[in-house]
N, C-alpha and C. Protein backbone atom coordinates (compact mmCIF):
# COMPACT_ATOMS: atom_id res chain seq x y z
N MET A 1 59.71 -41.89 -5.59
CA MET A 1 58.90 -41.95 -6.46
C MET A 1 57.84 -42.32 -4.65
N LYS A 2 57.62 -42.58 -4.77
CA LYS A 2 56.20 -42.53 -3.49
C LYS A 2 56.04 -41.21 -3.11
N ARG A 3 57.49 -40.65 -2.68
CA ARG A 3 56.94 -39.30 -2.15
C ARG A 3 56.33 -38.21 -4.02
N LEU A 4 56.96 -38.54 -4.65
CA LEU A 4 56.17 -37.95 -5.54
C LEU A 4 54.86 -37.77 -5.82
N LEU A 5 54.15 -39.38 -5.80
CA LEU A 5 52.93 -39.86 -5.84
C LEU A 5 52.20 -38.88 -4.85
N LEU A 6 52.77 -39.14 -3.47
CA LEU A 6 52.03 -38.10 -2.66
C LEU A 6 51.82 -37.18 -2.54
N LEU A 7 52.58 -36.58 -3.27
CA LEU A 7 52.53 -35.11 -3.56
C LEU A 7 51.74 -34.79 -4.43
N PHE A 8 51.31 -35.55 -5.62
CA PHE A 8 50.50 -35.27 -7.11
C PHE A 8 49.12 -35.38 -6.12
N VAL A 9 48.69 -36.29 -5.56
CA VAL A 9 47.49 -36.75 -4.84
C VAL A 9 47.14 -36.12 -3.91
N TRP A 10 48.16 -35.47 -3.36
CA TRP A 10 47.82 -34.09 -1.93
C TRP A 10 47.36 -32.89 -2.91
N ALA A 11 48.18 -32.51 -4.16
CA ALA A 11 47.60 -31.36 -4.90
C ALA A 11 46.36 -31.57 -5.64
N ALA A 12 46.46 -32.82 -5.83
CA ALA A 12 45.22 -33.13 -7.11
C ALA A 12 44.25 -33.20 -5.76
N SER A 13 43.92 -33.45 -4.60
CA SER A 13 42.32 -33.36 -3.60
C SER A 13 42.19 -32.33 -3.38
N GLY A 14 43.42 -31.33 -3.46
CA GLY A 14 43.51 -30.03 -2.80
C GLY A 14 42.53 -28.70 -4.27
N ALA A 15 42.80 -28.86 -5.45
CA ALA A 15 42.33 -29.04 -6.57
C ALA A 15 40.55 -29.41 -6.77
N LEU A 16 40.22 -30.42 -6.09
CA LEU A 16 39.31 -30.90 -6.64
C LEU A 16 38.15 -30.24 -5.08
N GLY A 17 38.60 -29.73 -4.20
CA GLY A 17 38.09 -28.95 -3.73
C GLY A 17 38.48 -29.31 -1.95
N THR A 18 38.02 -28.09 -0.67
CA THR A 18 38.34 -29.52 0.49
C THR A 18 37.09 -29.20 0.90
N ALA A 19 36.70 -29.47 2.44
CA ALA A 19 36.10 -29.82 3.39
C ALA A 19 35.56 -28.85 3.70
N GLN A 20 36.16 -27.63 3.66
CA GLN A 20 35.36 -26.07 3.93
C GLN A 20 34.37 -25.60 2.40
N ASP A 21 35.17 -26.17 1.30
CA ASP A 21 33.91 -25.14 0.18
C ASP A 21 32.63 -26.72 0.41
N TYR A 22 32.25 -27.60 1.22
CA TYR A 22 31.12 -27.94 0.91
C TYR A 22 30.23 -27.50 2.76
N VAL A 23 30.82 -26.55 2.80
CA VAL A 23 29.99 -26.04 4.23
C VAL A 23 29.13 -24.57 3.71
N ARG A 24 27.94 -24.72 3.75
CA ARG A 24 26.95 -23.76 3.87
C ARG A 24 27.31 -22.16 4.24
N GLU A 25 27.46 -21.39 3.92
CA GLU A 25 27.54 -20.18 4.46
C GLU A 25 26.45 -19.92 5.04
N PRO A 26 26.50 -18.93 6.13
CA PRO A 26 25.49 -18.98 6.47
C PRO A 26 24.24 -17.52 5.83
N VAL A 27 23.06 -17.99 6.22
CA VAL A 27 22.17 -16.81 5.19
C VAL A 27 21.62 -15.70 6.71
N GLU A 28 21.77 -14.10 5.60
CA GLU A 28 21.63 -13.87 6.68
C GLU A 28 19.56 -13.09 6.67
N ALA A 29 19.68 -13.32 7.86
CA ALA A 29 18.19 -13.99 8.00
C ALA A 29 17.46 -12.01 7.42
N THR A 30 16.14 -12.61 6.59
CA THR A 30 15.21 -10.89 6.28
C THR A 30 14.29 -10.65 7.06
N TRP A 31 13.93 -9.43 7.39
CA TRP A 31 12.64 -9.13 7.92
C TRP A 31 11.70 -9.87 8.58
N ALA A 32 11.47 -10.55 9.73
CA ALA A 32 10.28 -11.77 10.31
C ALA A 32 8.94 -10.66 10.98
N GLY A 33 9.12 -9.89 10.45
CA GLY A 33 7.62 -8.75 11.60
C GLY A 33 6.57 -9.66 11.13
N PRO A 34 5.22 -8.60 11.38
CA PRO A 34 4.02 -9.02 10.81
C PRO A 34 4.20 -9.06 9.39
N ARG A 35 2.91 -10.56 9.15
CA ARG A 35 2.08 -10.63 8.23
C ARG A 35 1.34 -10.47 7.38
N ARG A 36 0.16 -9.43 8.50
CA ARG A 36 -1.04 -9.15 7.91
C ARG A 36 -1.53 -8.19 8.76
N THR A 37 -2.06 -6.97 8.42
CA THR A 37 -2.27 -5.38 9.12
C THR A 37 -3.80 -5.07 8.55
N VAL A 38 -4.31 -5.04 9.52
CA VAL A 38 -5.32 -4.11 9.89
C VAL A 38 -5.62 -2.67 10.00
N SER A 39 -6.10 -2.10 9.53
CA SER A 39 -5.88 -0.09 9.67
C SER A 39 -6.68 0.52 9.71
N CYS A 40 -6.81 1.50 9.92
CA CYS A 40 -7.95 2.61 9.62
C CYS A 40 -7.42 3.27 9.54
N ASP A 41 -7.67 4.71 8.36
CA ASP A 41 -7.08 6.00 7.55
C ASP A 41 -7.62 6.96 8.07
N ALA A 42 -6.53 7.75 8.94
CA ALA A 42 -7.13 9.33 9.46
C ALA A 42 -6.92 10.45 8.28
N VAL A 43 -6.62 9.79 7.89
CA VAL A 43 -6.82 11.49 6.41
C VAL A 43 -8.16 11.19 5.76
N SER A 44 -9.08 9.74 5.61
CA SER A 44 -9.81 9.42 5.13
C SER A 44 -10.83 10.02 5.80
N ALA A 45 -10.87 9.51 7.64
CA ALA A 45 -11.94 9.68 8.23
C ALA A 45 -11.67 11.40 8.86
N ALA A 46 -10.81 11.81 8.20
CA ALA A 46 -11.10 13.62 8.20
C ALA A 46 -11.65 14.28 7.41
N GLN A 47 -11.96 13.25 5.76
CA GLN A 47 -12.69 13.96 4.82
C GLN A 47 -14.04 13.44 4.79
N GLY A 48 -14.24 12.30 5.70
CA GLY A 48 -15.33 12.16 5.72
C GLY A 48 -15.85 10.39 5.59
N ILE A 49 -14.89 10.44 4.88
CA ILE A 49 -14.68 8.65 4.56
C ILE A 49 -14.57 7.52 6.25
N LEU A 50 -15.23 6.94 5.59
CA LEU A 50 -14.96 5.58 7.40
C LEU A 50 -13.92 4.69 6.61
N SER A 51 -12.89 4.42 6.51
CA SER A 51 -12.80 2.89 5.73
C SER A 51 -11.67 2.39 6.66
N LEU A 52 -11.72 1.24 5.67
CA LEU A 52 -10.87 -0.14 6.89
C LEU A 52 -9.77 -0.40 5.73
N SER A 53 -8.47 -0.82 6.07
CA SER A 53 -7.37 -1.37 5.10
C SER A 53 -6.98 -2.97 5.23
N GLY A 54 -6.60 -3.73 4.92
CA GLY A 54 -6.21 -4.89 5.24
C GLY A 54 -4.78 -4.66 3.88
N GLU A 55 -3.69 -5.36 4.52
CA GLU A 55 -2.30 -5.21 3.81
C GLU A 55 -1.35 -6.68 4.29
N VAL A 56 -1.92 -7.67 3.52
CA VAL A 56 -1.27 -9.07 3.56
C VAL A 56 0.65 -8.83 2.59
N PHE A 57 1.88 -9.98 3.49
CA PHE A 57 2.58 -9.68 2.38
C PHE A 57 2.79 -10.96 2.09
N VAL A 58 3.30 -11.06 1.13
CA VAL A 58 3.78 -11.91 -0.04
C VAL A 58 4.57 -12.63 0.36
N LEU A 59 5.91 -11.78 0.45
CA LEU A 59 6.82 -12.07 0.27
C LEU A 59 7.35 -10.82 1.65
N PRO A 60 8.98 -10.56 2.22
CA PRO A 60 9.36 -9.76 3.39
C PRO A 60 9.23 -8.43 2.64
N GLU A 61 9.63 -8.41 1.40
CA GLU A 61 9.73 -7.14 0.92
C GLU A 61 8.26 -6.81 0.19
N LEU A 62 6.88 -7.50 -0.07
CA LEU A 62 6.34 -7.14 -0.92
C LEU A 62 4.64 -7.79 -0.67
N SER A 63 3.49 -6.18 -0.51
CA SER A 63 2.95 -6.75 0.39
C SER A 63 1.03 -6.80 -0.90
N LEU A 64 0.05 -6.82 -0.42
CA LEU A 64 -0.93 -6.16 -1.11
C LEU A 64 -2.24 -6.01 -0.21
N ARG A 65 -2.75 -4.92 -0.63
CA ARG A 65 -3.46 -4.12 0.28
C ARG A 65 -4.89 -3.74 -0.54
N ALA A 66 -5.96 -3.87 -0.16
CA ALA A 66 -7.27 -3.07 0.20
C ALA A 66 -7.63 -2.51 0.68
N SER A 67 -8.58 -1.71 0.49
CA SER A 67 -9.52 -0.95 1.17
C SER A 67 -10.80 -0.42 0.67
N GLY A 68 -11.65 -0.47 1.70
CA GLY A 68 -13.18 0.20 1.17
C GLY A 68 -13.49 0.71 2.61
N GLY A 69 -14.23 1.28 1.99
CA GLY A 69 -14.56 2.74 3.30
C GLY A 69 -15.86 3.17 2.97
N VAL A 70 -17.26 3.56 3.56
CA VAL A 70 -18.46 4.73 3.56
C VAL A 70 -18.57 6.06 4.00
N TRP A 71 -19.15 6.32 3.12
CA TRP A 71 -19.12 8.26 3.73
C TRP A 71 -20.64 8.24 4.74
N THR A 72 -19.55 8.94 5.45
CA THR A 72 -20.27 9.33 7.08
C THR A 72 -21.39 10.27 7.30
N GLY A 73 -21.10 11.25 6.22
CA GLY A 73 -21.97 12.03 5.85
C GLY A 73 -22.01 13.23 6.93
N GLY A 74 -20.72 13.45 7.86
CA GLY A 74 -20.31 14.57 8.74
C GLY A 74 -19.38 15.87 8.31
N HIS A 75 -18.88 15.65 7.35
CA HIS A 75 -18.40 16.37 6.73
C HIS A 75 -18.13 17.07 5.25
N ALA A 76 -18.16 18.15 4.75
CA ALA A 76 -17.98 18.68 3.43
C ALA A 76 -18.11 17.91 2.56
N ALA A 77 -18.88 17.91 1.12
CA ALA A 77 -18.56 16.96 -0.09
C ALA A 77 -16.95 17.47 -0.48
N PRO A 78 -16.45 16.03 -1.13
CA PRO A 78 -15.19 17.05 -2.46
C PRO A 78 -15.57 17.75 -2.58
N ARG A 79 -14.71 18.64 -3.52
CA ARG A 79 -14.58 19.64 -4.54
C ARG A 79 -15.32 19.13 -5.89
N TRP A 80 -14.18 17.90 -6.35
CA TRP A 80 -15.35 17.97 -6.79
C TRP A 80 -16.57 17.07 -7.59
N VAL A 81 -17.28 16.41 -6.52
CA VAL A 81 -18.93 16.51 -6.70
C VAL A 81 -19.46 18.02 -6.01
N GLN A 82 -20.16 17.97 -7.02
CA GLN A 82 -21.46 19.77 -6.94
C GLN A 82 -22.40 18.90 -6.40
N GLY A 83 -22.95 19.40 -5.42
CA GLY A 83 -24.36 19.27 -5.03
C GLY A 83 -24.56 18.65 -3.76
N PRO A 84 -25.09 18.76 -2.96
CA PRO A 84 -25.35 17.57 -1.58
C PRO A 84 -24.96 15.77 -1.70
N VAL A 85 -24.39 15.75 -1.09
CA VAL A 85 -23.79 13.80 -1.33
C VAL A 85 -24.60 13.38 -0.17
N ALA A 86 -25.94 12.74 -0.91
CA ALA A 86 -26.72 11.40 -0.05
C ALA A 86 -26.36 10.63 0.19
N GLN A 87 -25.51 9.77 -0.19
CA GLN A 87 -24.73 8.29 -0.03
C GLN A 87 -23.07 8.64 -0.67
N GLY A 88 -22.17 7.77 -0.27
CA GLY A 88 -21.01 7.81 -1.10
C GLY A 88 -20.06 6.45 -0.34
N GLY A 89 -18.35 6.25 -1.24
CA GLY A 89 -18.20 5.29 -0.86
C GLY A 89 -16.73 5.30 -1.29
N ALA A 90 -15.48 4.42 -0.98
CA ALA A 90 -14.49 4.55 -1.41
C ALA A 90 -13.90 3.26 -1.71
N GLY A 91 -13.19 2.65 -2.31
CA GLY A 91 -12.03 1.45 -2.63
C GLY A 91 -11.12 1.69 -3.13
N SER A 92 -9.93 0.95 -3.08
CA SER A 92 -8.65 1.40 -3.75
C SER A 92 -8.05 -0.56 -3.58
N VAL A 93 -7.46 -0.68 -4.33
CA VAL A 93 -6.18 -1.86 -4.26
C VAL A 93 -4.73 -1.67 -4.71
N GLY A 94 -4.35 -2.71 -4.21
CA GLY A 94 -2.62 -1.97 -4.86
C GLY A 94 -1.61 -2.86 -3.89
N ILE A 95 -0.28 -2.52 -4.44
CA ILE A 95 1.00 -3.60 -3.85
C ILE A 95 1.78 -2.15 -3.60
N ARG A 96 2.49 -2.50 -2.36
CA ARG A 96 3.59 -2.24 -1.60
C ARG A 96 5.06 -2.85 -1.87
N CYS A 97 6.04 -2.26 -1.84
CA CYS A 97 7.39 -2.55 -1.95
C CYS A 97 8.31 -2.08 -1.21
N TYR A 98 8.80 -2.35 -0.43
CA TYR A 98 9.74 -2.36 0.87
C TYR A 98 10.87 -2.84 0.54
N PRO A 99 12.10 -1.72 0.06
CA PRO A 99 13.32 -2.08 -0.71
C PRO A 99 13.67 -2.76 0.36
N SER A 100 13.76 -2.25 1.53
CA SER A 100 15.49 -2.62 2.41
C SER A 100 14.87 -4.08 3.34
N GLY A 101 14.62 -5.55 3.44
CA GLY A 101 14.90 -6.39 3.55
C GLY A 101 14.81 -6.82 5.42
N GLY A 102 15.30 -5.92 6.19
CA GLY A 102 15.57 -5.75 7.51
C GLY A 102 14.26 -4.55 8.18
N ALA A 103 14.11 -5.32 9.17
CA ALA A 103 13.71 -3.55 9.79
C ALA A 103 14.56 -2.94 10.72
N SER A 104 14.95 -1.44 11.20
CA SER A 104 15.49 -1.00 11.37
C SER A 104 14.43 -0.14 12.56
N VAL A 105 15.63 0.74 13.55
CA VAL A 105 14.35 1.26 14.75
C VAL A 105 13.51 2.58 13.96
N TRP A 106 14.05 2.72 13.16
CA TRP A 106 13.29 3.95 12.53
C TRP A 106 11.74 3.58 11.71
N GLY A 107 12.18 2.04 11.53
CA GLY A 107 10.95 1.61 10.47
C GLY A 107 11.27 1.36 9.10
N ARG A 108 10.73 1.40 8.20
CA ARG A 108 11.00 0.76 6.56
C ARG A 108 9.83 1.68 5.77
N ALA A 109 10.77 1.61 4.91
CA ALA A 109 10.52 3.17 3.68
C ALA A 109 9.75 1.96 2.99
N PHE A 110 8.77 2.84 1.70
CA PHE A 110 7.70 1.64 0.85
C PHE A 110 7.41 2.87 -0.25
N VAL A 111 7.32 2.20 -1.50
CA VAL A 111 6.91 3.03 -2.84
C VAL A 111 5.70 1.48 -3.01
N GLY A 112 4.57 2.52 -3.42
CA GLY A 112 3.64 1.29 -3.59
C GLY A 112 2.75 2.31 -4.66
N LEU A 113 1.55 1.18 -5.47
CA LEU A 113 0.93 1.55 -6.46
C LEU A 113 -0.12 1.35 -6.03
N GLU A 114 -1.06 2.07 -6.24
CA GLU A 114 -2.43 1.96 -6.32
C GLU A 114 -3.57 2.79 -7.21
N LEU A 115 -4.99 1.29 -7.18
CA LEU A 115 -5.88 2.53 -8.17
C LEU A 115 -7.41 2.77 -6.80
N ALA A 116 -7.64 3.47 -6.92
CA ALA A 116 -8.36 3.92 -5.93
C ALA A 116 -9.42 4.76 -6.88
N ARG A 117 -10.98 4.24 -6.50
CA ARG A 117 -12.25 5.01 -6.92
C ARG A 117 -13.11 5.33 -5.85
N GLU A 118 -13.72 6.52 -5.48
CA GLU A 118 -14.71 7.29 -4.85
C GLU A 118 -16.22 7.25 -5.35
N ARG A 119 -17.53 7.21 -5.19
CA ARG A 119 -17.81 6.98 -5.96
C ARG A 119 -19.63 7.98 -4.87
N TYR A 120 -20.06 9.06 -4.67
CA TYR A 120 -20.61 9.68 -4.32
C TYR A 120 -21.79 9.62 -5.16
N ALA A 121 -23.33 9.87 -4.41
CA ALA A 121 -24.66 9.78 -5.11
C ALA A 121 -25.17 11.41 -4.89
N VAL A 122 -25.93 12.03 -5.69
CA VAL A 122 -26.03 13.38 -5.39
C VAL A 122 -27.26 13.21 -5.49
N ARG A 123 -28.54 13.90 -4.64
CA ARG A 123 -29.91 14.00 -5.32
C ARG A 123 -30.22 15.90 -4.58
N GLU A 124 -30.69 15.93 -5.98
CA GLU A 124 -31.23 17.69 -5.54
C GLU A 124 -32.53 17.59 -6.52
N ASN A 125 -33.40 17.81 -6.36
CA ASN A 125 -34.42 18.92 -7.08
C ASN A 125 -35.29 17.37 -7.66
N ASP A 126 -34.93 15.90 -6.95
CA ASP A 126 -35.40 15.12 -7.35
C ASP A 126 -35.18 14.53 -8.74
N LEU A 127 -33.78 14.85 -8.63
CA LEU A 127 -32.76 14.39 -9.78
C LEU A 127 -31.46 13.88 -8.98
N SER A 128 -31.38 12.61 -9.71
CA SER A 128 -30.28 11.87 -9.22
C SER A 128 -28.86 11.81 -9.91
N THR A 129 -27.37 12.04 -9.14
CA THR A 129 -26.11 12.26 -9.81
C THR A 129 -25.46 11.10 -9.41
N ALA A 130 -24.44 10.31 -10.13
CA ALA A 130 -23.27 9.89 -9.47
C ALA A 130 -22.33 10.34 -9.69
N TRP A 131 -21.60 10.69 -8.81
CA TRP A 131 -19.93 11.29 -9.47
C TRP A 131 -19.06 10.51 -8.88
N THR A 132 -17.98 9.53 -10.12
CA THR A 132 -17.05 8.70 -9.54
C THR A 132 -15.64 9.36 -9.90
N ARG A 133 -14.85 9.45 -9.05
CA ARG A 133 -13.17 9.34 -9.57
C ARG A 133 -12.47 8.40 -9.12
N THR A 134 -11.85 7.99 -10.56
CA THR A 134 -10.87 7.10 -9.89
C THR A 134 -9.11 7.60 -9.91
N ASP A 135 -8.42 6.72 -9.45
CA ASP A 135 -7.14 7.53 -9.30
C ASP A 135 -6.06 6.35 -9.57
N ALA A 136 -5.04 6.82 -10.34
CA ALA A 136 -4.08 5.87 -9.81
C ALA A 136 -2.82 6.42 -9.80
N GLN A 137 -2.24 5.95 -8.55
CA GLN A 137 -1.62 7.09 -7.62
C GLN A 137 -0.40 6.25 -7.18
N ILE A 138 0.70 6.81 -6.88
CA ILE A 138 2.34 6.17 -6.78
C ILE A 138 2.38 6.75 -5.50
N GLU A 139 2.94 5.62 -4.07
CA GLU A 139 2.93 6.39 -3.01
C GLU A 139 4.03 6.14 -2.89
N LEU A 140 4.67 7.19 -1.83
CA LEU A 140 6.12 6.68 -1.13
C LEU A 140 5.60 7.12 0.01
N GLY A 141 6.72 6.02 1.16
CA GLY A 141 6.23 6.39 2.29
C GLY A 141 6.94 5.43 3.20
N TRP A 142 6.28 5.27 4.72
CA TRP A 142 6.91 5.53 5.44
C TRP A 142 6.21 3.82 7.06
N SER A 143 6.88 3.04 7.46
CA SER A 143 6.08 2.48 8.32
C SER A 143 7.03 1.50 9.46
N ARG A 144 5.93 1.90 10.87
CA ARG A 144 6.68 1.12 11.90
C ARG A 144 5.80 0.82 12.50
N THR A 145 6.17 -0.42 12.98
CA THR A 145 5.31 -1.27 14.59
C THR A 145 5.83 -1.79 15.28
N TRP A 146 5.52 -1.22 16.39
CA TRP A 146 5.82 -1.26 17.58
C TRP A 146 5.49 -2.69 18.64
N TRP A 147 5.94 -3.33 19.36
CA TRP A 147 5.44 -4.76 19.67
C TRP A 147 4.65 -5.16 19.07
N ASN A 148 5.43 -5.47 17.95
CA ASN A 148 4.76 -6.28 16.85
C ASN A 148 3.59 -6.59 16.88
N HIS A 149 2.65 -5.51 16.94
CA HIS A 149 1.37 -5.38 16.40
C HIS A 149 0.87 -4.28 16.62
N LEU A 150 0.87 -2.63 17.14
CA LEU A 150 0.58 -1.93 17.17
C LEU A 150 1.63 -1.10 15.66
N THR A 151 0.77 -0.69 14.46
CA THR A 151 1.96 -0.06 12.85
C THR A 151 1.40 1.12 13.03
N LEU A 152 1.87 2.04 12.26
CA LEU A 152 1.43 3.22 11.75
C LEU A 152 2.09 3.50 10.58
N GLN A 153 1.31 4.19 9.15
CA GLN A 153 2.53 4.38 7.99
C GLN A 153 1.50 4.92 8.15
N ALA A 154 2.58 6.06 7.18
CA ALA A 154 1.84 7.34 6.44
C ALA A 154 3.10 7.64 5.44
N HIS A 155 1.97 8.25 4.57
CA HIS A 155 2.68 8.00 2.79
C HIS A 155 2.13 9.46 2.36
N VAL A 156 2.53 9.99 1.28
CA VAL A 156 2.16 11.14 0.45
C VAL A 156 2.08 10.43 -0.44
N ALA A 157 0.92 10.82 -2.04
CA ALA A 157 0.46 10.43 -3.08
C ALA A 157 -0.04 10.94 -4.47
N SER A 158 0.89 10.54 -4.97
CA SER A 158 0.29 11.84 -6.36
C SER A 158 0.24 10.41 -7.75
N GLY A 159 -0.87 11.26 -8.71
CA GLY A 159 -0.89 10.44 -9.76
C GLY A 159 -2.16 11.17 -10.95
N PRO A 160 -2.41 10.52 -11.92
CA PRO A 160 -3.73 11.21 -12.26
C PRO A 160 -4.88 10.27 -12.09
N GLY A 161 -5.70 11.47 -12.22
CA GLY A 161 -7.27 11.04 -11.82
C GLY A 161 -8.21 11.43 -12.80
N TRP A 162 -9.60 10.58 -12.76
CA TRP A 162 -10.14 11.24 -13.49
C TRP A 162 -11.76 10.59 -13.16
N VAL A 163 -12.27 12.19 -13.97
CA VAL A 163 -13.92 11.96 -12.85
C VAL A 163 -15.02 12.32 -13.59
N ARG A 164 -15.76 11.37 -13.75
CA ARG A 164 -17.00 11.14 -14.32
C ARG A 164 -18.22 11.53 -13.66
N ALA A 165 -19.56 11.69 -14.19
CA ALA A 165 -21.13 11.86 -13.70
C ALA A 165 -21.54 11.50 -14.35
N THR A 166 -23.27 10.67 -14.59
CA THR A 166 -23.90 9.86 -15.03
C THR A 166 -24.97 11.03 -14.23
N ARG A 167 -25.58 11.38 -15.95
CA ARG A 167 -26.63 12.22 -15.29
C ARG A 167 -28.19 12.28 -15.76
N ARG A 168 -29.06 12.06 -15.38
CA ARG A 168 -30.23 11.72 -15.27
C ARG A 168 -30.83 13.54 -16.08
N SER A 169 -30.47 14.64 -15.89
CA SER A 169 -31.09 15.21 -16.56
C SER A 169 -30.09 16.46 -17.58
N ALA A 170 -30.70 16.85 -18.53
CA ALA A 170 -29.41 17.98 -19.37
C ALA A 170 -28.90 19.27 -18.72
N ASP A 171 -29.75 19.41 -17.32
CA ASP A 171 -28.79 20.84 -16.84
C ASP A 171 -28.49 20.26 -15.60
N ALA A 172 -27.62 19.15 -15.41
CA ALA A 172 -27.05 18.71 -14.08
C ALA A 172 -26.04 19.65 -14.26
N VAL A 173 -25.15 19.95 -12.90
CA VAL A 173 -24.28 20.38 -13.27
C VAL A 173 -23.18 19.49 -13.13
N THR A 174 -21.58 20.19 -13.64
CA THR A 174 -20.50 19.31 -14.41
C THR A 174 -19.95 19.51 -13.02
N ALA A 175 -18.36 18.39 -12.97
CA ALA A 175 -17.80 18.24 -12.26
C ALA A 175 -16.38 19.54 -12.21
N ALA A 176 -16.12 19.87 -11.21
CA ALA A 176 -14.91 20.82 -11.16
C ALA A 176 -13.53 19.70 -10.84
N ASP A 177 -12.74 19.90 -11.46
CA ASP A 177 -11.72 18.95 -11.31
C ASP A 177 -11.12 19.60 -9.75
N GLY A 178 -10.15 18.22 -9.19
CA GLY A 178 -9.62 18.69 -8.14
C GLY A 178 -8.58 17.45 -7.86
N PRO A 179 -7.87 17.93 -7.24
CA PRO A 179 -6.43 16.72 -6.18
C PRO A 179 -7.31 15.49 -6.33
N GLY A 180 -7.03 14.14 -6.10
CA GLY A 180 -6.99 12.96 -5.08
C GLY A 180 -6.95 13.46 -4.06
N ARG A 181 -6.69 12.23 -3.73
CA ARG A 181 -5.93 12.14 -1.67
C ARG A 181 -4.49 12.02 -2.14
N ILE A 182 -3.95 12.87 -1.40
CA ILE A 182 -2.72 12.94 -1.47
C ILE A 182 -1.89 12.83 -0.38
N ALA A 183 -2.26 12.14 0.64
CA ALA A 183 -1.70 12.18 1.26
C ALA A 183 -2.81 10.30 2.71
N GLY A 184 -1.90 9.67 3.68
CA GLY A 184 -2.78 8.92 4.05
C GLY A 184 -2.43 8.62 5.41
N LEU A 185 -2.55 8.30 6.37
CA LEU A 185 -2.16 7.85 7.76
C LEU A 185 -2.98 6.70 8.59
N GLN A 186 -2.12 5.76 7.80
CA GLN A 186 -2.69 4.53 8.94
C GLN A 186 -2.65 4.03 9.56
N VAL A 187 -3.37 4.06 11.01
CA VAL A 187 -3.04 3.47 12.36
C VAL A 187 -3.49 1.79 12.39
N GLY A 188 -2.96 1.06 12.92
CA GLY A 188 -3.39 -0.35 12.39
C GLY A 188 -2.64 -1.30 13.47
N TRP A 189 -3.44 -2.18 13.67
CA TRP A 189 -2.73 -3.96 14.58
C TRP A 189 -2.36 -5.11 13.09
N SER A 190 -1.22 -5.51 13.43
CA SER A 190 -0.42 -5.81 12.89
C SER A 190 -0.30 -7.65 13.36
N TRP A 191 -0.33 -9.05 12.90
CA TRP A 191 -0.05 -10.32 13.47
C TRP A 191 0.81 -11.25 12.35
């Protein structure tokens, strides 16, 4: 009877759990790379806009971005702006999702959503017109960081755009619609 009672206690303790059940499984570490990046866009600079952007990671897989820039006047105006540009600028806000939690040797892929706006003031024959283009874009890209600081990001973008002109004269020209920014190449510093 004693043996039967011991066998019952042993079986019941095994059914309730073992010490191994209470040991936590090791958690796989996610990406522990840079949390903030400040960068300059080479494609925007080639199009005549000197811009800076900032990116802050709120999660290892999700970041918030904002950028702003001014027209340098050293290049031709965008095709959708009619007339000589006196001044201009651009800005954008967006989010990026990095689906892979870990970094690889080749970098990290990302998908982003961005709302961008460009505005140019055109002065011609004492008339002033402001051209504004708003783009809602989806971005597909790649990001790589070297030595935990130097970051290179490249992406392609596509989405609808809206062009609007404020006219102060009835004979002001109308915009010729063209593609918005379809690519980006940012070189930046991360920490």
